Amino acid sequence: MVDRKPAQPTPLPGADDGHPRLNRGLKLVGTLFITLSAITPASSVFIVAPGVITQAGTGAFLAFVIAAVVGVFMAFVYAELGSAYPLSGGEYAIVARTSGRLPGFVVLGLFLVSQLLIIAVIALGVGTYLSVLLPGLHAPTVAAVTVVVATVLAVFDIKLNAWVTGIFLAIELIALAVVSALGLVNPQRSLADLVVHPVTAGAGGTVAAASFGVVAGASAVALFAYNGYGAAVYLGEETHDAHRSVAKTVLWALGITVLAELVPVTAVLLGSPSLPDLFGASNMMEHFITDRAGSTVNDIVSLAVAVAIFNAVLAIILVTARMIFSTGRDTTWPAPISKAVSAIHPRFGSPWIATLVTGAIGTAFCFADEQVLLVVTSTTLIAIYAVLCVSVLLGRRNGSTAHAAYRMPLFPVAPLLAIAAIAYVAYQNFTDPEVGRPSLAITAGIAVLFAAYYLFVLRRRGSWELRGAADES
């Protein structure tokens, strides 16, 4: 019989009981640096935004605004759940404690698969932007080297990594500021044009009116551009005053991300001399920057974007390694594997074996077919979002989140509206036979596989223990 009650958390025993714990070496700013780096606003602007513009034209402005509103709803959900359980297991640790062990383990599977593959998906972008300066680079090899270097760095102390990500994040934000200035200093059209009369590519190099349906559909893509603020939860066991700091980090991260992405996207739409040329360009951002400032500035910005992508790879490895560490501490795998991945480095205080495992798998996937990687990872996020929304509703009802330091305003408006938006995004994916529909099927397959592992292995073995520092400050 499937257990329906939320699993009660097992407090993390002291060091003398043999269970590892991470060091609290981060303050809010350090956690924010890593979280923003995992979101990587520059990568979203240069990689995700062109897809939104291709679909909705100048309606991309409204698409990003709509996505920001949905992002606020999900940030409220993450902030409340994360302030109740600021654990390195992240979403699976939260869901297992609020909604039950089975859904928690399914979320573990979805996140584990998607994150390990996403490392490769993002790393493959490094070669794209370095090739502006060094043509002929082999993208998979460059991606693999990127993951290896980031993995070595991720083994070191979390405070060092916070400073490294902070420095790279500054470079990333400067590049976005340059793009924003290029469009806002001498705009070619007004903001009202983007709001009242959005246009998209038409036949024969013309433009045509963009319908609200097209804009709404594009907002499903824009939603992914803001994703990543939930990474703060994975750093909770290493953050001082985590119950309060994690919620603040989630909300600050979303606010900064919206500003860092919406402003440059708006600037490109306002400042492009020719919208048909922009819509038809193979690389929209390169076209815009070169058109407004020349190839030298484009080369510099491209290098900054490559740095931003490396920074994102580093941050995601840090986050994913902590989730894998948590699975070992919870004895998810056979004893030798669980013991290995839950090991803490004696000097750096990092989950070093989990980090090396994360990097090794991410490196291997750099040589996989990129289309396959995209199909596998495209819809796992919306499934996790949906489960989290249900979990925050259940947490209020069954009292498992009663101790949360943050309580969202106007509950339950945010999770209910977010569920409606998620349903729409799922529908949009279902209508896409190339990527969306196969991805939904694969997401369902992953869920079934991990549900079976829990029901027929872990539950029978009775060894899956939910351990964590939820009661520590």
Protein backbone atom coordinates (compact mmCIF):
# COMPACT_ATOMS: atom_id res chain seq x y z
CA MET A 1 0.00 0.00 0.00
CA VAL A 2 1.36 3.43 -0.97
CA ASP A 3 2.09 5.66 2.00
CA ARG A 4 0.05 8.86 1.79
CA LYS A 5 1.12 10.65 4.95
CA PRO A 6 4.05 13.05 4.73
CA ALA A 7 7.25 11.47 5.90
CA GLN A 8 8.50 12.88 9.17
CA PRO A 9 12.02 14.29 8.91
CA THR A 10 14.77 12.56 10.80
CA PRO A 11 16.98 15.24 12.36
CA LEU A 12 20.61 15.00 11.36
CA PRO A 13 22.48 13.26 14.17
CA GLY A 14 25.71 14.63 15.52
CA ALA A 15 29.08 13.80 14.04
CA ASP A 16 29.64 11.08 16.64
CA ASP A 17 26.68 9.16 15.14
CA GLY A 18 28.52 8.91 11.86
CA HIS A 19 26.20 10.99 9.68
CA PRO A 20 27.96 13.70 7.67
CA ARG A 21 26.99 17.33 7.78
CA LEU A 22 28.02 20.27 5.62
CA ASN A 23 29.71 23.36 7.04
CA ARG A 24 27.74 26.59 7.34
CA GLY A 25 30.19 28.81 5.52
CA LEU A 26 27.78 30.97 3.49
CA LYS A 27 25.97 34.16 4.29
CA LEU A 28 23.04 35.46 2.27
CA VAL A 29 25.22 37.27 -0.28
CA GLY A 30 27.30 34.18 -1.05
CA THR A 31 24.19 32.06 -1.45
CA LEU A 32 22.74 34.73 -3.73
CA PHE A 33 25.88 34.76 -5.92
CA ILE A 34 25.70 31.02 -6.52
CA THR A 35 21.93 31.06 -7.05
CA LEU A 36 22.10 33.86 -9.63
CA SER A 37 24.97 32.08 -11.36
CA ALA A 38 22.82 28.94 -11.64
CA ILE A 39 20.09 31.05 -13.28
CA THR A 40 22.73 32.69 -15.52
CA PRO A 41 20.80 35.71 -16.86
CA ALA A 42 23.26 36.28 -19.73
CA SER A 43 22.81 32.76 -21.05
CA SER A 44 19.03 33.24 -20.90
CA VAL A 45 19.24 36.50 -22.84
CA PHE A 46 21.62 35.17 -25.48
CA ILE A 47 20.28 31.62 -25.82
CA VAL A 48 16.64 31.50 -24.66
CA ALA A 49 15.43 35.01 -25.57
CA PRO A 50 16.10 34.65 -29.35
CA GLY A 51 13.73 31.68 -29.35
CA VAL A 52 11.04 33.78 -27.68
CA ILE A 53 11.62 36.60 -30.18
CA THR A 54 11.43 34.16 -33.10
CA GLN A 55 8.05 33.00 -31.87
CA ALA A 56 6.49 36.27 -30.69
CA GLY A 57 8.53 39.05 -32.30
CA THR A 58 8.27 42.26 -30.31
CA GLY A 59 5.59 40.47 -28.30
CA ALA A 60 8.56 38.88 -26.53
CA PHE A 61 8.41 41.85 -24.13
CA LEU A 62 4.92 40.88 -23.00
CA ALA A 63 5.93 37.20 -22.94
CA PHE A 64 8.75 37.95 -20.51
CA VAL A 65 6.43 40.09 -18.38
CA ILE A 66 3.85 37.29 -18.19
CA ALA A 67 6.61 34.79 -17.36
CA ALA A 68 7.84 37.11 -14.61
CA VAL A 69 4.40 37.12 -13.00
CA VAL A 70 4.32 33.30 -13.05
CA GLY A 71 7.88 33.37 -11.72
CA VAL A 72 6.72 35.41 -8.73
CA PHE A 73 4.08 32.77 -7.96
CA MET A 74 6.69 29.99 -8.05
CA ALA A 75 9.18 32.05 -6.05
CA PHE A 76 6.57 32.37 -3.29
CA VAL A 77 6.17 28.58 -3.35
CA TYR A 78 9.93 27.98 -3.21
CA ALA A 79 10.42 30.58 -0.49
CA GLU A 80 7.80 29.07 1.82
CA LEU A 81 8.86 25.47 1.28
CA GLY A 82 12.56 26.32 1.39
CA SER A 83 12.22 28.24 4.65
CA ALA A 84 10.55 25.18 6.18
CA TYR A 85 13.12 22.68 4.87
CA PRO A 86 16.38 24.36 3.75
CA LEU A 87 18.02 21.05 2.91
CA SER A 88 20.68 19.97 0.45
CA GLY A 89 18.21 17.49 -1.02
CA GLY A 90 16.22 20.40 -2.39
CA GLU A 91 12.89 19.59 -4.00
CA TYR A 92 12.88 15.87 -3.21
CA ALA A 93 13.65 16.47 0.47
CA ILE A 94 10.80 18.98 0.66
CA VAL A 95 8.22 16.93 -1.23
CA ALA A 96 8.98 13.77 0.75
CA ARG A 97 8.35 15.65 4.00
CA THR A 98 5.18 17.43 2.91
CA SER A 99 3.49 15.08 0.41
CA GLY A 100 4.91 11.63 1.14
CA ARG A 101 7.91 9.50 0.36
CA LEU A 102 6.71 8.16 -3.00
CA PRO A 103 6.17 11.56 -4.67
CA GLY A 104 9.38 12.73 -3.02
CA PHE A 105 11.35 9.92 -4.60
CA VAL A 106 9.77 10.54 -7.99
CA VAL A 107 10.88 14.18 -7.78
CA LEU A 108 14.36 12.96 -6.85
CA GLY A 109 14.47 10.94 -10.08
CA LEU A 110 13.21 13.78 -12.24
CA PHE A 111 15.68 16.27 -10.81
CA LEU A 112 18.62 13.85 -10.84
CA VAL A 113 18.23 13.00 -14.52
CA SER A 114 17.48 16.52 -15.69
CA GLN A 115 20.30 18.23 -13.76
CA LEU A 116 23.00 15.80 -14.86
CA LEU A 117 21.99 16.33 -18.48
CA ILE A 118 21.48 20.08 -18.18
CA ILE A 119 25.14 20.46 -17.18
CA ALA A 120 26.06 19.19 -20.64
CA VAL A 121 23.36 21.20 -22.42
CA ILE A 122 24.66 24.44 -20.92
CA ALA A 123 28.34 23.57 -21.32
CA LEU A 124 27.85 23.01 -25.05
CA GLY A 125 27.12 26.74 -25.34
CA VAL A 126 30.70 27.67 -24.38
CA GLY A 127 32.09 26.55 -27.73
CA THR A 128 29.42 28.50 -29.58
CA TYR A 129 30.53 31.81 -28.11
CA LEU A 130 34.26 31.08 -28.00
CA SER A 131 34.11 30.22 -31.72
CA VAL A 132 33.56 33.93 -32.41
CA LEU A 133 37.19 34.41 -31.35
CA LEU A 134 38.51 30.92 -32.13
CA PRO A 135 36.70 29.49 -35.18
CA GLY A 136 36.65 25.74 -35.70
CA LEU A 137 36.43 24.66 -32.07
CA HIS A 138 34.95 21.21 -31.45
CA ALA A 139 31.95 22.03 -29.27
CA PRO A 140 31.67 18.71 -27.35
CA THR A 141 35.38 18.77 -26.46
CA VAL A 142 35.19 22.39 -25.30
CA ALA A 143 32.10 21.52 -23.26
CA ALA A 144 33.82 18.52 -21.67
CA VAL A 145 36.87 20.59 -20.71
CA THR A 146 34.53 23.23 -19.26
CA VAL A 147 32.78 20.64 -17.06
CA VAL A 148 36.09 19.13 -15.90
CA VAL A 149 37.54 22.51 -14.88
CA ALA A 150 34.30 23.51 -13.15
CA THR A 151 34.21 20.18 -11.31
CA VAL A 152 37.74 20.59 -9.95
CA LEU A 153 36.87 24.08 -8.74
CA ALA A 154 33.60 22.85 -7.18
CA VAL A 155 35.53 20.46 -4.90
CA PHE A 156 37.02 23.42 -3.03
CA ASP A 157 35.46 25.31 -0.13
CA ILE A 158 31.96 26.70 -0.75
CA LYS A 159 33.07 30.19 0.32
CA LEU A 160 35.75 30.22 -2.38
CA ASN A 161 33.20 29.12 -4.95
CA ALA A 162 30.82 31.86 -3.81
CA TRP A 163 33.49 34.48 -4.51
CA VAL A 164 34.40 32.93 -7.87
CA THR A 165 30.78 32.87 -9.00
CA GLY A 166 30.33 36.42 -7.72
CA ILE A 167 33.23 37.71 -9.84
CA PHE A 168 32.03 35.90 -12.96
CA LEU A 169 28.48 37.08 -12.28
CA ALA A 170 29.70 40.69 -12.27
CA ILE A 171 31.26 40.16 -15.73
CA GLU A 172 27.98 38.66 -16.92
CA LEU A 173 25.91 41.58 -15.66
CA ILE A 174 28.29 44.12 -17.23
CA ALA A 175 27.79 42.41 -20.60
CA LEU A 176 24.01 42.67 -20.16
CA ALA A 177 24.37 46.34 -19.21
CA VAL A 178 26.26 46.96 -22.47
CA VAL A 179 23.49 45.30 -24.51
CA SER A 180 20.89 47.35 -22.64
CA ALA A 181 22.72 50.61 -23.28
CA LEU A 182 23.05 49.87 -27.00
CA GLY A 183 19.29 49.64 -27.33
CA LEU A 184 18.07 52.22 -24.86
CA VAL A 185 20.39 55.10 -25.77
CA ASN A 186 18.91 55.51 -29.25
CA PRO A 187 15.59 53.62 -29.41
CA GLN A 188 13.95 53.13 -32.79
CA ARG A 189 10.44 52.62 -31.43
CA SER A 190 8.51 53.21 -28.23
CA LEU A 191 7.64 50.88 -25.39
CA ALA A 192 3.98 51.46 -26.25
CA ASP A 193 4.62 49.83 -29.64
CA LEU A 194 5.77 46.65 -27.88
CA VAL A 195 2.72 46.62 -25.61
CA VAL A 196 -0.09 47.81 -27.89
CA HIS A 197 1.11 46.76 -31.36
CA PRO A 198 3.43 43.74 -31.05
CA VAL A 199 4.60 42.37 -34.38
CA THR A 200 6.36 39.21 -35.52
CA ALA A 201 8.01 38.05 -38.74
CA GLY A 202 5.74 38.03 -41.76
CA ALA A 203 6.06 36.74 -45.30
CA GLY A 204 8.71 38.13 -47.63
CA GLY A 205 10.72 40.05 -45.04
CA THR A 206 7.74 41.93 -43.64
CA VAL A 207 6.18 42.05 -40.18
CA ALA A 208 2.70 41.00 -39.10
CA ALA A 209 0.66 41.53 -35.97
CA ALA A 210 1.46 39.11 -33.15
CA SER A 211 -1.71 37.67 -31.61
CA PHE A 212 -2.17 37.23 -27.88
CA GLY A 213 -2.16 33.46 -28.40
CA VAL A 214 1.30 33.66 -29.94
CA VAL A 215 2.54 35.87 -27.11
CA ALA A 216 1.05 33.56 -24.47
CA GLY A 217 2.66 30.58 -26.14
CA ALA A 218 6.04 32.30 -26.13
CA SER A 219 5.67 33.03 -22.41
CA ALA A 220 5.93 29.27 -21.85
CA VAL A 221 9.48 29.46 -23.20
CA ALA A 222 10.26 32.70 -21.36
CA LEU A 223 9.29 31.02 -18.09
CA PHE A 224 12.35 28.78 -18.36
CA ALA A 225 14.62 31.81 -18.77
CA TYR A 226 13.90 32.87 -15.19
CA ASN A 227 14.26 29.40 -13.69
CA GLY A 228 16.98 28.61 -11.15
CA TYR A 229 16.07 30.63 -8.05
CA GLY A 230 15.19 27.34 -6.32
CA ALA A 231 18.93 26.54 -6.25
CA ALA A 232 19.10 28.53 -3.00
CA VAL A 233 17.38 25.65 -1.18
CA TYR A 234 20.24 23.23 -1.98
CA LEU A 235 22.68 25.56 -0.21
CA GLY A 236 20.52 25.79 2.90
CA GLU A 237 22.68 23.49 5.02
CA GLU A 238 25.70 25.68 4.30
CA THR A 239 23.92 29.03 4.86
CA HIS A 240 23.74 30.84 8.19
CA ASP A 241 20.19 31.41 9.49
CA ALA A 242 18.98 29.25 6.62
CA HIS A 243 15.28 29.29 7.51
CA ARG A 244 15.18 33.04 6.81
CA SER A 245 18.08 33.44 4.39
CA VAL A 246 16.87 30.87 1.85
CA ALA A 247 13.50 32.59 1.44
CA LYS A 248 15.18 35.99 1.07
CA THR A 249 17.64 34.58 -1.46
CA VAL A 250 14.86 33.05 -3.59
CA LEU A 251 12.92 36.32 -3.74
CA TRP A 252 15.99 38.51 -4.32
CA ALA A 253 17.27 36.13 -7.00
CA LEU A 254 14.02 36.28 -8.95
CA GLY A 255 13.82 40.08 -8.70
CA ILE A 256 17.39 40.58 -9.90
CA THR A 257 16.94 38.00 -12.66
CA VAL A 258 13.80 39.64 -14.03
CA LEU A 259 15.58 43.01 -14.12
CA ALA A 260 18.76 41.54 -15.65
CA GLU A 261 16.86 39.73 -18.42
CA LEU A 262 13.82 41.88 -19.16
CA VAL A 263 15.78 45.14 -19.59
CA PRO A 264 18.26 43.89 -22.25
CA VAL A 265 15.55 41.96 -24.13
CA THR A 266 13.44 45.13 -24.18
CA ALA A 267 16.45 47.16 -25.29
CA VAL A 268 17.08 44.85 -28.25
CA LEU A 269 13.44 45.13 -29.34
CA LEU A 270 13.43 48.91 -28.94
CA GLY A 271 16.84 49.59 -30.48
CA SER A 272 17.00 47.30 -33.51
CA PRO A 273 17.05 49.47 -36.65
CA SER A 274 15.26 46.83 -38.73
CA LEU A 275 12.89 44.32 -37.14
CA PRO A 276 12.73 42.07 -40.26
CA ASP A 277 16.52 41.84 -40.26
CA LEU A 278 16.55 41.05 -36.54
CA PHE A 279 13.86 38.38 -36.88
CA GLY A 280 15.67 36.79 -39.82
CA ALA A 281 19.16 36.75 -38.30
CA SER A 282 20.69 33.36 -37.53
CA ASN A 283 22.17 34.84 -34.34
CA MET A 284 19.93 37.71 -33.20
CA MET A 285 22.13 39.02 -30.41
CA GLU A 286 25.28 38.97 -32.53
CA HIS A 287 23.37 40.77 -35.30
CA PHE A 288 22.07 43.42 -32.91
CA ILE A 289 25.40 44.12 -31.19
CA THR A 290 27.38 44.17 -34.43
CA ASP A 291 24.79 46.44 -36.06
CA ARG A 292 24.86 48.92 -33.18
CA ALA A 293 28.48 48.78 -31.99
CA GLY A 294 30.64 46.78 -34.40
CA SER A 295 32.36 43.40 -34.39
CA THR A 296 34.91 44.26 -31.68
CA VAL A 297 32.23 44.91 -29.08
CA ASN A 298 30.44 41.74 -30.21
CA ASP A 299 33.66 39.74 -29.66
CA ILE A 300 34.06 41.13 -26.14
CA VAL A 301 30.43 40.45 -25.24
CA SER A 302 30.66 36.92 -26.70
CA LEU A 303 33.64 36.22 -24.46
CA ALA A 304 31.66 37.49 -21.46
CA VAL A 305 28.79 35.16 -22.38
CA ALA A 306 31.22 32.22 -22.52
CA VAL A 307 32.37 33.18 -19.01
CA ALA A 308 28.72 33.34 -17.91
CA ILE A 309 28.07 29.84 -19.26
CA PHE A 310 31.12 28.48 -17.41
CA ASN A 311 29.83 30.17 -14.27
CA ALA A 312 26.46 28.50 -14.74
CA VAL A 313 28.10 25.10 -15.17
CA LEU A 314 30.05 25.63 -11.94
CA ALA A 315 26.95 26.70 -10.00
CA ILE A 316 24.84 23.81 -11.29
CA ILE A 317 27.56 21.31 -10.42
CA LEU A 318 27.67 22.75 -6.89
CA VAL A 319 23.89 22.39 -6.55
CA THR A 320 23.62 18.94 -8.13
CA ALA A 321 26.50 17.55 -6.08
CA ARG A 322 24.71 18.56 -2.89
CA MET A 323 21.57 16.78 -3.99
CA ILE A 324 23.57 13.62 -4.76
CA PHE A 325 25.30 13.98 -1.36
CA SER A 326 21.85 14.11 0.25
CA THR A 327 20.75 10.93 -1.53
CA GLY A 328 23.76 9.15 -0.09
CA ARG A 329 23.11 10.45 3.41
CA ASP A 330 19.51 9.24 3.09
CA THR A 331 20.82 5.76 2.07
CA THR A 332 19.04 5.89 -1.29
CA TRP A 333 21.53 3.57 -2.99
CA PRO A 334 23.30 0.34 -1.97
CA ALA A 335 25.42 0.93 1.15
CA PRO A 336 28.86 1.31 -0.52
CA ILE A 337 27.55 3.88 -3.03
CA SER A 338 25.57 5.81 -0.42
CA LYS A 339 28.59 5.96 1.87
CA ALA A 340 30.87 7.15 -0.92
CA VAL A 341 28.69 9.96 -2.28
CA SER A 342 27.94 11.27 1.22
CA ALA A 343 31.64 11.68 2.04
CA ILE A 344 32.82 15.14 3.12
CA HIS A 345 36.29 16.41 2.19
CA PRO A 346 38.30 16.75 5.43
CA ARG A 347 39.85 20.08 4.42
CA PHE A 348 37.33 21.81 2.15
CA GLY A 349 34.14 20.58 3.83
CA SER A 350 32.60 19.84 0.41
CA PRO A 351 30.79 16.71 -0.79
CA TRP A 352 33.80 15.90 -2.92
CA ILE A 353 32.96 12.42 -4.22
CA ALA A 354 29.41 13.53 -5.09
CA THR A 355 30.98 16.48 -6.91
CA LEU A 356 33.34 14.24 -8.88
CA VAL A 357 30.49 11.88 -9.78
CA THR A 358 28.40 14.85 -10.95
CA GLY A 359 31.26 16.15 -13.08
CA ALA A 360 32.09 12.77 -14.57
CA ILE A 361 28.52 12.11 -15.69
CA GLY A 362 28.13 15.68 -16.98
CA THR A 363 31.38 15.34 -18.95
CA ALA A 364 30.25 12.09 -20.56
CA PHE A 365 26.95 13.61 -21.66
CA CYS A 366 28.80 16.42 -23.48
CA PHE A 367 29.38 13.89 -26.28
CA ALA A 368 25.72 12.83 -26.48
CA ASP A 369 23.37 14.05 -29.21
CA GLU A 370 22.28 17.57 -28.24
CA GLN A 371 18.74 17.04 -29.55
CA VAL A 372 18.35 13.99 -27.30
CA LEU A 373 19.56 16.02 -24.32
CA LEU A 374 17.00 18.73 -25.06
CA VAL A 375 14.14 16.26 -25.44
CA VAL A 376 14.93 14.52 -22.14
CA THR A 377 15.24 17.73 -20.12
CA SER A 378 12.55 19.95 -21.66
CA THR A 379 9.53 19.11 -19.48
CA THR A 380 10.92 17.74 -16.22
CA LEU A 381 10.89 21.24 -14.77
CA ILE A 382 7.15 21.75 -15.21
CA ALA A 383 6.48 18.38 -13.55
CA ILE A 384 8.60 19.39 -10.55
CA TYR A 385 6.89 22.81 -10.42
CA ALA A 386 3.48 21.13 -10.36
CA VAL A 387 4.44 18.80 -7.50
CA LEU A 388 5.88 21.71 -5.49
CA CYS A 389 2.65 23.69 -5.87
CA VAL A 390 0.66 20.72 -4.59
CA SER A 391 3.18 20.27 -1.76
CA VAL A 392 2.82 23.83 -0.51
CA LEU A 393 -0.97 23.38 -0.45
CA LEU A 394 -0.64 20.08 1.42
CA GLY A 395 1.98 21.53 3.76
CA ARG A 396 -0.46 24.17 4.95
CA ARG A 397 -3.22 21.58 5.30
CA ASN A 398 -1.32 18.85 7.16
CA GLY A 399 0.88 21.22 9.18
CA SER A 400 4.21 19.94 7.84
CA THR A 401 5.25 23.52 6.92
CA ALA A 402 3.77 25.21 10.00
CA HIS A 403 7.28 26.05 11.23
CA ALA A 404 8.24 27.89 8.01
CA ALA A 405 9.93 31.23 8.66
CA TYR A 406 8.32 32.69 5.51
CA ARG A 407 4.62 32.58 4.65
CA MET A 408 3.58 33.72 1.20
CA PRO A 409 0.99 36.53 0.85
CA LEU A 410 -2.55 35.87 -0.39
CA PHE A 411 -2.29 32.10 0.02
CA PRO A 412 -3.41 30.00 -1.92
CA VAL A 413 -3.53 32.37 -4.91
CA ALA A 414 0.10 31.86 -5.96
CA PRO A 415 0.19 28.04 -6.14
CA LEU A 416 -3.25 27.82 -7.77
CA LEU A 417 -2.39 30.35 -10.48
CA ALA A 418 0.99 28.69 -10.96
CA ILE A 419 -0.72 25.31 -11.46
CA ALA A 420 -2.96 26.89 -14.12
CA ALA A 421 0.09 28.33 -15.89
CA ILE A 422 1.92 25.00 -15.65
CA ALA A 423 -1.08 23.20 -17.18
CA TYR A 424 -0.97 25.64 -20.09
CA VAL A 425 2.77 25.10 -20.58
CA ALA A 426 2.22 21.33 -20.51
CA TYR A 427 -0.49 21.70 -23.16
CA GLN A 428 1.83 23.78 -25.34
CA ASN A 429 4.46 21.07 -25.05
CA PHE A 430 1.93 18.38 -25.94
CA THR A 431 1.12 20.18 -29.20
CA ASP A 432 4.82 20.10 -30.18
CA PRO A 433 5.52 16.71 -31.83
CA GLU A 434 9.25 17.39 -32.28
CA VAL A 435 10.38 18.09 -28.69
CA GLY A 436 7.50 18.75 -26.30
CA ARG A 437 5.42 15.58 -26.71
CA PRO A 438 8.37 13.15 -26.67
CA SER A 439 9.75 15.01 -23.66
CA LEU A 440 6.47 14.63 -21.76
CA ALA A 441 6.54 10.90 -22.49
CA ILE A 442 10.15 10.60 -21.28
CA THR A 443 9.32 12.60 -18.14
CA ALA A 444 6.47 10.19 -17.42
CA GLY A 445 8.80 7.26 -18.03
CA ILE A 446 11.39 8.59 -15.57
CA ALA A 447 8.65 9.07 -12.97
CA VAL A 448 7.41 5.50 -13.41
CA LEU A 449 10.94 4.08 -13.23
CA PHE A 450 11.81 5.82 -9.97
CA ALA A 451 8.39 5.08 -8.48
CA ALA A 452 9.02 1.39 -9.19
CA TYR A 453 12.48 1.59 -7.59
CA TYR A 454 10.96 3.09 -4.46
CA LEU A 455 8.02 0.68 -4.22
CA PHE A 456 9.86 -2.55 -5.02
CA VAL A 457 13.31 -1.84 -3.57
CA LEU A 458 13.53 1.00 -1.07
CA ARG A 459 10.19 0.53 0.68
CA ARG A 460 10.72 -3.21 1.03
CA ARG A 461 14.26 -2.68 2.27
CA GLY A 462 13.06 0.00 4.69
CA SER A 463 16.40 1.80 4.63
CA TRP A 464 15.51 5.16 3.06
CA GLU A 465 15.94 7.64 5.92
CA LEU A 466 15.22 11.35 5.49
CA ARG A 467 18.09 13.01 7.27
CA GLY A 468 18.95 16.68 7.30
CA ALA A 469 19.76 19.77 9.28
CA ALA A 470 16.25 21.18 9.16
CA ASP A 471 16.28 22.07 12.83
CA GLU A 472 19.70 23.73 12.86
CA SER A 473 20.38 27.43 12.39
